[in-house]
Amino acid sequence: MKKDVMLKNGQKVTIRELAHDDLHAIMTLQEKVIDNLTVASFLQPLSEEEFHYILDGNGTMIGAFHGSHLIAFRAMLEPEIDEHHLGKDACLPDSELPSVLYSEVTNVDPAYRGNSLQRILGELLMENVDTNRHRYVFATVAPFNIASLKDKFTLGMYIISLEKKYENLLRYTLMIDLQDNEKTGSLTAMADMSDVLEQQSLLKDGWVGVGLEEADGSWKVKFQK
């Protein structure tokens, strides 16, 4: 995979698949992003070993380069099947778990934000999923991480649960079924993002979160059933 893209700021970047030779640049960019976070808990960074695992063929990582400088990367992971597998949040049978991918970490150099790099990389990864091997894509996002939630909704993902993960951090779990994305009916409900219990109640009753709305200075999650 190699593609040239013109950014909103007029700069041309090259997007290509990443390899072990890019690991130093990957770790350097991740550290830069962490240093610029306003809410540290929004990002669940990956360790060098976890990046190695993906680059060893257990997923896909693509990066955007301005010249020789890595300015953004995004990863999809083929997860190990264990008790924390996100497919269990959707009550997938064990036989379906090998067909799951995770939409993993995305990092964008703060100097290049506002150019839709997260969306561009996400769409490219989704377009290149081998649907003969993988049917589902899952992700976790922190409440009030609005940019990441909007990104997942843009990719067609929807919220299926809101629970504590990663050693007691509250996270939405989102998913998409690449074979059957007819996920909702015509019923609509809204819930304030800060009202965890109301959202959990809706999710347990079979609603899914499909979008966001901002009203009176607060963020609300749109649910459908």
C-alpha atoms as a PDB file:
ATOM      1  CA  MET A   1       0.000   0.000   0.000  1.00  0.00           C
ATOM      2  CA  LYS A   2       1.415   3.380  -1.036  1.00  0.00           C
ATOM      3  CA  LYS A   3      -0.582   6.508  -1.704  1.00  0.00           C
ATOM      4  CA  ASP A   4       0.114  10.228  -2.034  1.00  0.00           C
ATOM      5  CA  VAL A   5      -2.429  12.566  -0.420  1.00  0.00           C
ATOM      6  CA  MET A   6      -2.737  16.350  -0.498  1.00  0.00           C
ATOM      7  CA  LEU A   7      -3.552  17.766   2.944  1.00  0.00           C
ATOM      8  CA  LYS A   8      -5.832  20.681   3.665  1.00  0.00           C
ATOM      9  CA  ASN A   9      -2.754  22.813   4.362  1.00  0.00           C
ATOM     10  CA  GLY A  10      -1.492  22.153   0.820  1.00  0.00           C
ATOM     11  CA  GLN A  11       1.310  19.789   1.794  1.00  0.00           C
ATOM     12  CA  LYS A  12       1.685  16.440   0.058  1.00  0.00           C
ATOM     13  CA  VAL A  13       2.174  13.378   2.230  1.00  0.00           C
ATOM     14  CA  THR A  14       2.924   9.780   1.348  1.00  0.00           C
ATOM     15  CA  ILE A  15       1.046   7.002   3.113  1.00  0.00           C
ATOM     16  CA  ARG A  16       2.590   3.553   3.230  1.00  0.00           C
ATOM     17  CA  GLU A  17       2.643   0.432   5.343  1.00  0.00           C
ATOM     18  CA  LEU A  18       5.068   0.574   8.266  1.00  0.00           C
ATOM     19  CA  ALA A  19       7.753  -1.978   9.121  1.00  0.00           C
ATOM     20  CA  HIS A  20      10.238  -2.713  11.894  1.00  0.00           C
ATOM     21  CA  ASP A  21      12.651  -0.153  10.438  1.00  0.00           C
ATOM     22  CA  ASP A  22      10.095   2.538  11.306  1.00  0.00           C
ATOM     23  CA  LEU A  23       9.860   1.606  14.991  1.00  0.00           C
ATOM     24  CA  HIS A  24      12.093   4.400  16.257  1.00  0.00           C
ATOM     25  CA  ALA A  25      10.007   6.988  14.403  1.00  0.00           C
ATOM     26  CA  ILE A  26       6.802   5.377  15.705  1.00  0.00           C
ATOM     27  CA  MET A  27       7.960   5.533  19.342  1.00  0.00           C
ATOM     28  CA  THR A  28       9.243   9.101  18.929  1.00  0.00           C
ATOM     29  CA  LEU A  29       5.912  10.285  17.520  1.00  0.00           C
ATOM     30  CA  GLN A  30       3.940   8.502  20.236  1.00  0.00           C
ATOM     31  CA  GLU A  31       6.030  10.231  22.923  1.00  0.00           C
ATOM     32  CA  LYS A  32       5.453  13.595  21.238  1.00  0.00           C
ATOM     33  CA  VAL A  33       1.697  12.993  21.194  1.00  0.00           C
ATOM     34  CA  ILE A  34       1.672  11.915  24.857  1.00  0.00           C
ATOM     35  CA  ASP A  35       3.585  15.069  25.840  1.00  0.00           C
ATOM     36  CA  ASN A  36       0.898  17.198  24.142  1.00  0.00           C
ATOM     37  CA  LEU A  37      -2.172  15.474  25.583  1.00  0.00           C
ATOM     38  CA  THR A  38      -4.589  17.630  27.538  1.00  0.00           C
ATOM     39  CA  VAL A  39      -6.256  14.526  29.035  1.00  0.00           C
ATOM     40  CA  ALA A  40      -3.697  11.767  29.548  1.00  0.00           C
ATOM     41  CA  SER A  41      -6.288   9.000  29.987  1.00  0.00           C
ATOM     42  CA  PHE A  42      -7.626   9.541  26.448  1.00  0.00           C
ATOM     43  CA  LEU A  43      -4.694   7.629  24.965  1.00  0.00           C
ATOM     44  CA  GLN A  44      -3.811   4.045  25.801  1.00  0.00           C
ATOM     45  CA  PRO A  45      -0.259   4.015  24.398  1.00  0.00           C
ATOM     46  CA  LEU A  46       1.326   0.856  23.069  1.00  0.00           C
ATOM     47  CA  SER A  47       4.630  -0.496  24.285  1.00  0.00           C
ATOM     48  CA  GLU A  48       7.536  -1.227  21.978  1.00  0.00           C
ATOM     49  CA  GLU A  49       6.755  -4.934  22.374  1.00  0.00           C
ATOM     50  CA  GLU A  50       3.134  -4.359  21.332  1.00  0.00           C
ATOM     51  CA  PHE A  51       4.242  -2.467  18.235  1.00  0.00           C
ATOM     52  CA  HIS A  52       6.634  -5.327  17.439  1.00  0.00           C
ATOM     53  CA  TYR A  53       3.716  -7.762  17.722  1.00  0.00           C
ATOM     54  CA  ILE A  54       1.689  -5.847  15.125  1.00  0.00           C
ATOM     55  CA  LEU A  55       4.668  -5.340  12.809  1.00  0.00           C
ATOM     56  CA  ASP A  56       5.439  -9.073  12.997  1.00  0.00           C
ATOM     57  CA  GLY A  57       2.323  -9.663  10.908  1.00  0.00           C
ATOM     58  CA  ASN A  58      -0.359  -9.639  13.587  1.00  0.00           C
ATOM     59  CA  GLY A  59      -2.160  -6.687  12.067  1.00  0.00           C
ATOM     60  CA  THR A  60      -1.400  -3.693   9.890  1.00  0.00           C
ATOM     61  CA  MET A  61       0.216  -0.315  10.563  1.00  0.00           C
ATOM     62  CA  ILE A  62       0.245   2.525   8.073  1.00  0.00           C
ATOM     63  CA  GLY A  63       1.954   5.876   8.387  1.00  0.00           C
ATOM     64  CA  ALA A  64       1.837   9.278   6.730  1.00  0.00           C
ATOM     65  CA  PHE A  65       5.174  10.886   5.864  1.00  0.00           C
ATOM     66  CA  HIS A  66       5.889  14.505   5.015  1.00  0.00           C
ATOM     67  CA  GLY A  67       9.201  14.067   3.283  1.00  0.00           C
ATOM     68  CA  SER A  68      11.069  11.611   5.495  1.00  0.00           C
ATOM     69  CA  HIS A  69       9.236  12.716   8.650  1.00  0.00           C
ATOM     70  CA  LEU A  70       6.553  10.406  10.112  1.00  0.00           C
ATOM     71  CA  ILE A  71       3.642  12.694  10.982  1.00  0.00           C
ATOM     72  CA  ALA A  72       0.871  10.188  11.703  1.00  0.00           C
ATOM     73  CA  PHE A  73       0.276   6.475  12.059  1.00  0.00           C
ATOM     74  CA  ARG A  74      -2.642   4.172  12.686  1.00  0.00           C
ATOM     75  CA  ALA A  75      -2.803   0.462  13.443  1.00  0.00           C
ATOM     76  CA  MET A  76      -5.145  -2.475  13.226  1.00  0.00           C
ATOM     77  CA  LEU A  77      -4.391  -5.465  15.433  1.00  0.00           C
ATOM     78  CA  GLU A  78      -5.259  -9.139  15.240  1.00  0.00           C
ATOM     79  CA  PRO A  79      -5.824  -9.624  18.972  1.00  0.00           C
ATOM     80  CA  GLU A  80      -4.959 -12.625  21.056  1.00  0.00           C
ATOM     81  CA  ILE A  81      -8.036 -14.517  22.180  1.00  0.00           C
ATOM     82  CA  ASP A  82      -8.290 -14.194  25.944  1.00  0.00           C
ATOM     83  CA  GLU A  83     -10.811 -13.286  28.641  1.00  0.00           C
ATOM     84  CA  HIS A  84     -10.526  -9.582  27.759  1.00  0.00           C
ATOM     85  CA  HIS A  85     -11.326 -10.023  24.054  1.00  0.00           C
ATOM     86  CA  LEU A  86     -13.660  -7.244  22.896  1.00  0.00           C
ATOM     87  CA  GLY A  87     -15.719  -9.689  20.866  1.00  0.00           C
ATOM     88  CA  LYS A  88     -17.106 -10.928  24.166  1.00  0.00           C
ATOM     89  CA  ASP A  89     -18.664  -7.480  24.689  1.00  0.00           C
ATOM     90  CA  ALA A  90     -20.794  -8.215  21.612  1.00  0.00           C
ATOM     91  CA  CYS A  91     -21.509 -11.785  22.782  1.00  0.00           C
ATOM     92  CA  LEU A  92     -19.811 -13.229  19.705  1.00  0.00           C
ATOM     93  CA  PRO A  93     -19.442 -17.016  19.819  1.00  0.00           C
ATOM     94  CA  ASP A  94     -15.911 -18.316  20.313  1.00  0.00           C
ATOM     95  CA  SER A  95     -15.876 -19.511  16.698  1.00  0.00           C
ATOM     96  CA  GLU A  96     -16.202 -15.883  15.507  1.00  0.00           C
ATOM     97  CA  LEU A  97     -13.418 -14.400  17.645  1.00  0.00           C
ATOM     98  CA  PRO A  98     -10.608 -15.156  15.134  1.00  0.00           C
ATOM     99  CA  SER A  99     -12.451 -12.954  12.591  1.00  0.00           C
ATOM    100  CA  VAL A 100     -12.079  -9.858  14.826  1.00  0.00           C
ATOM    101  CA  LEU A 101      -9.688  -6.957  14.267  1.00  0.00           C
ATOM    102  CA  TYR A 102      -9.071  -4.100  16.676  1.00  0.00           C
ATOM    103  CA  SER A 103      -8.818  -0.522  15.459  1.00  0.00           C
ATOM    104  CA  GLU A 104      -5.835   0.307  17.621  1.00  0.00           C
ATOM    105  CA  VAL A 105      -3.832   3.402  18.451  1.00  0.00           C
ATOM    106  CA  THR A 106      -3.793   6.466  16.202  1.00  0.00           C
ATOM    107  CA  ASN A 107      -1.196   9.199  16.640  1.00  0.00           C
ATOM    108  CA  VAL A 108      -1.007  12.477  14.730  1.00  0.00           C
ATOM    109  CA  ASP A 109       1.824  14.980  15.129  1.00  0.00           C
ATOM    110  CA  PRO A 110       0.283  18.041  16.863  1.00  0.00           C
ATOM    111  CA  ALA A 111       1.761  20.289  14.158  1.00  0.00           C
ATOM    112  CA  TYR A 112      -0.315  18.477  11.507  1.00  0.00           C
ATOM    113  CA  ARG A 113      -3.663  18.269  13.270  1.00  0.00           C
ATOM    114  CA  GLY A 114      -6.700  19.615  11.457  1.00  0.00           C
ATOM    115  CA  ASN A 115      -5.844  17.819   8.224  1.00  0.00           C
ATOM    116  CA  SER A 116      -8.160  14.811   8.748  1.00  0.00           C
ATOM    117  CA  LEU A 117      -5.180  12.456   8.949  1.00  0.00           C
ATOM    118  CA  GLN A 118      -6.903  10.186  11.472  1.00  0.00           C
ATOM    119  CA  ARG A 119      -9.915   9.799   9.165  1.00  0.00           C
ATOM    120  CA  ILE A 120      -7.777   9.309   6.040  1.00  0.00           C
ATOM    121  CA  LEU A 121      -5.691   6.577   7.679  1.00  0.00           C
ATOM    122  CA  GLY A 122      -8.778   4.917   9.153  1.00  0.00           C
ATOM    123  CA  GLU A 123     -10.592   4.791   5.828  1.00  0.00           C
ATOM    124  CA  LEU A 124      -7.531   3.321   4.106  1.00  0.00           C
ATOM    125  CA  LEU A 125      -7.198   0.610   6.740  1.00  0.00           C
ATOM    126  CA  MET A 126     -10.897  -0.245   6.515  1.00  0.00           C
ATOM    127  CA  GLU A 127     -10.745  -0.413   2.701  1.00  0.00           C
ATOM    128  CA  ASN A 128      -7.870  -2.881   2.905  1.00  0.00           C
ATOM    129  CA  VAL A 129      -9.339  -5.298   5.450  1.00  0.00           C
ATOM    130  CA  ASP A 130      -9.285  -8.844   4.052  1.00  0.00           C
ATOM    131  CA  THR A 131     -12.979  -9.639   4.509  1.00  0.00           C
ATOM    132  CA  ASN A 132     -12.315 -13.292   3.729  1.00  0.00           C
ATOM    133  CA  ARG A 133     -10.441 -13.461   7.038  1.00  0.00           C
ATOM    134  CA  HIS A 134     -11.974 -10.697   9.135  1.00  0.00           C
ATOM    135  CA  ARG A 135     -15.618  -9.775   9.617  1.00  0.00           C
ATOM    136  CA  TYR A 136     -15.616  -7.490  12.657  1.00  0.00           C
ATOM    137  CA  VAL A 137     -13.634  -4.430  13.740  1.00  0.00           C
ATOM    138  CA  PHE A 138     -13.727  -3.307  17.378  1.00  0.00           C
ATOM    139  CA  ALA A 139     -12.332  -0.291  19.219  1.00  0.00           C
ATOM    140  CA  THR A 140     -12.445   1.319  22.651  1.00  0.00           C
ATOM    141  CA  VAL A 141     -12.746   5.070  23.231  1.00  0.00           C
ATOM    142  CA  ALA A 142     -12.841   7.171  26.400  1.00  0.00           C
ATOM    143  CA  PRO A 143     -15.998   9.214  27.032  1.00  0.00           C
ATOM    144  CA  PHE A 144     -15.498  12.864  26.036  1.00  0.00           C
ATOM    145  CA  ASN A 145     -12.719  11.950  23.607  1.00  0.00           C
ATOM    146  CA  ILE A 146     -14.900  13.636  21.015  1.00  0.00           C
ATOM    147  CA  ALA A 147     -12.431  13.536  18.113  1.00  0.00           C
ATOM    148  CA  SER A 148     -11.915   9.790  18.477  1.00  0.00           C
ATOM    149  CA  LEU A 149     -15.642   9.078  18.850  1.00  0.00           C
ATOM    150  CA  LYS A 150     -16.449  11.124  15.744  1.00  0.00           C
ATOM    151  CA  ASP A 151     -13.714   9.217  13.904  1.00  0.00           C
ATOM    152  CA  LYS A 152     -15.217   5.844  14.819  1.00  0.00           C
ATOM    153  CA  PHE A 153     -18.743   6.929  13.851  1.00  0.00           C
ATOM    154  CA  THR A 154     -17.410   8.192  10.501  1.00  0.00           C
ATOM    155  CA  LEU A 155     -16.001   4.709   9.878  1.00  0.00           C
ATOM    156  CA  GLY A 156     -19.458   3.208  10.490  1.00  0.00           C
ATOM    157  CA  MET A 157     -18.752   1.873  13.974  1.00  0.00           C
ATOM    158  CA  TYR A 158     -21.326   2.013  16.754  1.00  0.00           C
ATOM    159  CA  ILE A 159     -21.246   1.829  20.565  1.00  0.00           C
ATOM    160  CA  ILE A 160     -22.247  -1.502  22.103  1.00  0.00           C
ATOM    161  CA  SER A 161     -21.069  -1.098  25.707  1.00  0.00           C
ATOM    162  CA  LEU A 162     -19.753   1.349  28.291  1.00  0.00           C
ATOM    163  CA  GLU A 163     -17.679  -0.389  30.932  1.00  0.00           C
ATOM    164  CA  LYS A 164     -14.417  -0.113  32.855  1.00  0.00           C
ATOM    165  CA  LYS A 165     -11.357  -1.538  31.113  1.00  0.00           C
ATOM    166  CA  TYR A 166      -7.563  -1.163  31.202  1.00  0.00           C
ATOM    167  CA  GLU A 167      -7.296  -1.246  34.993  1.00  0.00           C
ATOM    168  CA  ASN A 168     -10.431   0.743  35.851  1.00  0.00           C
ATOM    169  CA  LEU A 169     -10.674   3.248  32.995  1.00  0.00           C
ATOM    170  CA  LEU A 170     -14.184   3.886  31.640  1.00  0.00           C
ATOM    171  CA  ARG A 171     -14.411   3.075  27.928  1.00  0.00           C
ATOM    172  CA  TYR A 172     -16.973   2.795  25.184  1.00  0.00           C
ATOM    173  CA  THR A 173     -16.631  -0.362  23.091  1.00  0.00           C
ATOM    174  CA  LEU A 174     -17.530   0.191  19.443  1.00  0.00           C
ATOM    175  CA  MET A 175     -17.780  -2.279  16.593  1.00  0.00           C
ATOM    176  CA  ILE A 176     -18.710  -2.730  12.958  1.00  0.00           C
ATOM    177  CA  ASP A 177     -19.825  -5.887  11.197  1.00  0.00           C
ATOM    178  CA  LEU A 178     -18.297  -5.637   7.722  1.00  0.00           C
ATOM    179  CA  GLN A 179     -20.731  -8.214   6.334  1.00  0.00           C
ATOM    180  CA  ASP A 180     -23.948  -6.857   7.838  1.00  0.00           C
ATOM    181  CA  ASN A 181     -24.069  -3.247   8.973  1.00  0.00           C
ATOM    182  CA  GLU A 182     -27.877  -3.019   9.236  1.00  0.00           C
ATOM    183  CA  LYS A 183     -27.553  -2.316  12.928  1.00  0.00           C
ATOM    184  CA  THR A 184     -30.496  -0.119  13.902  1.00  0.00           C
ATOM    185  CA  GLY A 185     -34.192   0.446  13.601  1.00  0.00           C
ATOM    186  CA  SER A 186     -36.124   3.707  13.569  1.00  0.00           C
ATOM    187  CA  LEU A 187     -36.326   4.377  17.317  1.00  0.00           C
ATOM    188  CA  THR A 188     -34.069   7.169  18.592  1.00  0.00           C
ATOM    189  CA  ALA A 189     -33.030   8.223  22.089  1.00  0.00           C
ATOM    190  CA  MET A 190     -30.549  10.777  23.436  1.00  0.00           C
ATOM    191  CA  ALA A 191     -28.445  10.510  26.586  1.00  0.00           C
ATOM    192  CA  ASP A 192     -26.013  12.932  28.158  1.00  0.00           C
ATOM    193  CA  MET A 193     -22.476  11.606  27.852  1.00  0.00           C
ATOM    194  CA  SER A 194     -21.891  12.323  31.531  1.00  0.00           C
ATOM    195  CA  ASP A 195     -24.816  10.089  32.556  1.00  0.00           C
ATOM    196  CA  VAL A 196     -23.093   6.718  32.626  1.00  0.00           C
ATOM    197  CA  LEU A 197     -25.991   4.797  34.182  1.00  0.00           C
ATOM    198  CA  GLU A 198     -28.534   5.993  31.618  1.00  0.00           C
ATOM    199  CA  GLN A 199     -26.238   5.031  28.750  1.00  0.00           C
ATOM    200  CA  GLN A 200     -25.526   1.632  30.283  1.00  0.00           C
ATOM    201  CA  SER A 201     -29.256   1.050  30.735  1.00  0.00           C
ATOM    202  CA  LEU A 202     -29.961   1.853  27.076  1.00  0.00           C
ATOM    203  CA  LEU A 203     -27.125  -0.394  25.892  1.00  0.00           C
ATOM    204  CA  LYS A 204     -28.341  -3.295  28.035  1.00  0.00           C
ATOM    205  CA  ASP A 205     -31.817  -2.849  26.522  1.00  0.00           C
ATOM    206  CA  GLY A 206     -30.456  -3.356  23.023  1.00  0.00           C
ATOM    207  CA  TRP A 207     -29.835   0.229  21.907  1.00  0.00           C
ATOM    208  CA  VAL A 208     -26.556   1.166  20.191  1.00  0.00           C
ATOM    209  CA  GLY A 209     -24.791   4.533  20.091  1.00  0.00           C
ATOM    210  CA  VAL A 210     -24.572   5.927  16.579  1.00  0.00           C
ATOM    211  CA  GLY A 211     -23.624   9.598  16.843  1.00  0.00           C
ATOM    212  CA  LEU A 212     -23.001  12.734  18.874  1.00  0.00           C
ATOM    213  CA  GLU A 213     -24.782  16.041  19.316  1.00  0.00           C
ATOM    214  CA  GLU A 214     -23.676  19.119  21.223  1.00  0.00           C
ATOM    215  CA  ALA A 215     -26.456  21.074  22.954  1.00  0.00           C
ATOM    216  CA  ASP A 216     -26.308  23.779  25.606  1.00  0.00           C
ATOM    217  CA  GLY A 217     -22.606  23.216  26.147  1.00  0.00           C
ATOM    218  CA  SER A 218     -22.896  19.479  26.777  1.00  0.00           C
ATOM    219  CA  TRP A 219     -22.334  16.418  24.611  1.00  0.00           C
ATOM    220  CA  LYS A 220     -25.112  13.926  24.060  1.00  0.00           C
ATOM    221  CA  VAL A 221     -24.937  10.456  22.545  1.00  0.00           C
ATOM    222  CA  LYS A 222     -27.534   9.477  19.979  1.00  0.00           C
ATOM    223  CA  PHE A 223     -28.866   5.942  20.374  1.00  0.00           C
ATOM    224  CA  GLN A 224     -30.941   3.899  17.958  1.00  0.00           C
ATOM    225  CA  LYS A 225     -32.822   0.613  18.216  1.00  0.00           C
END
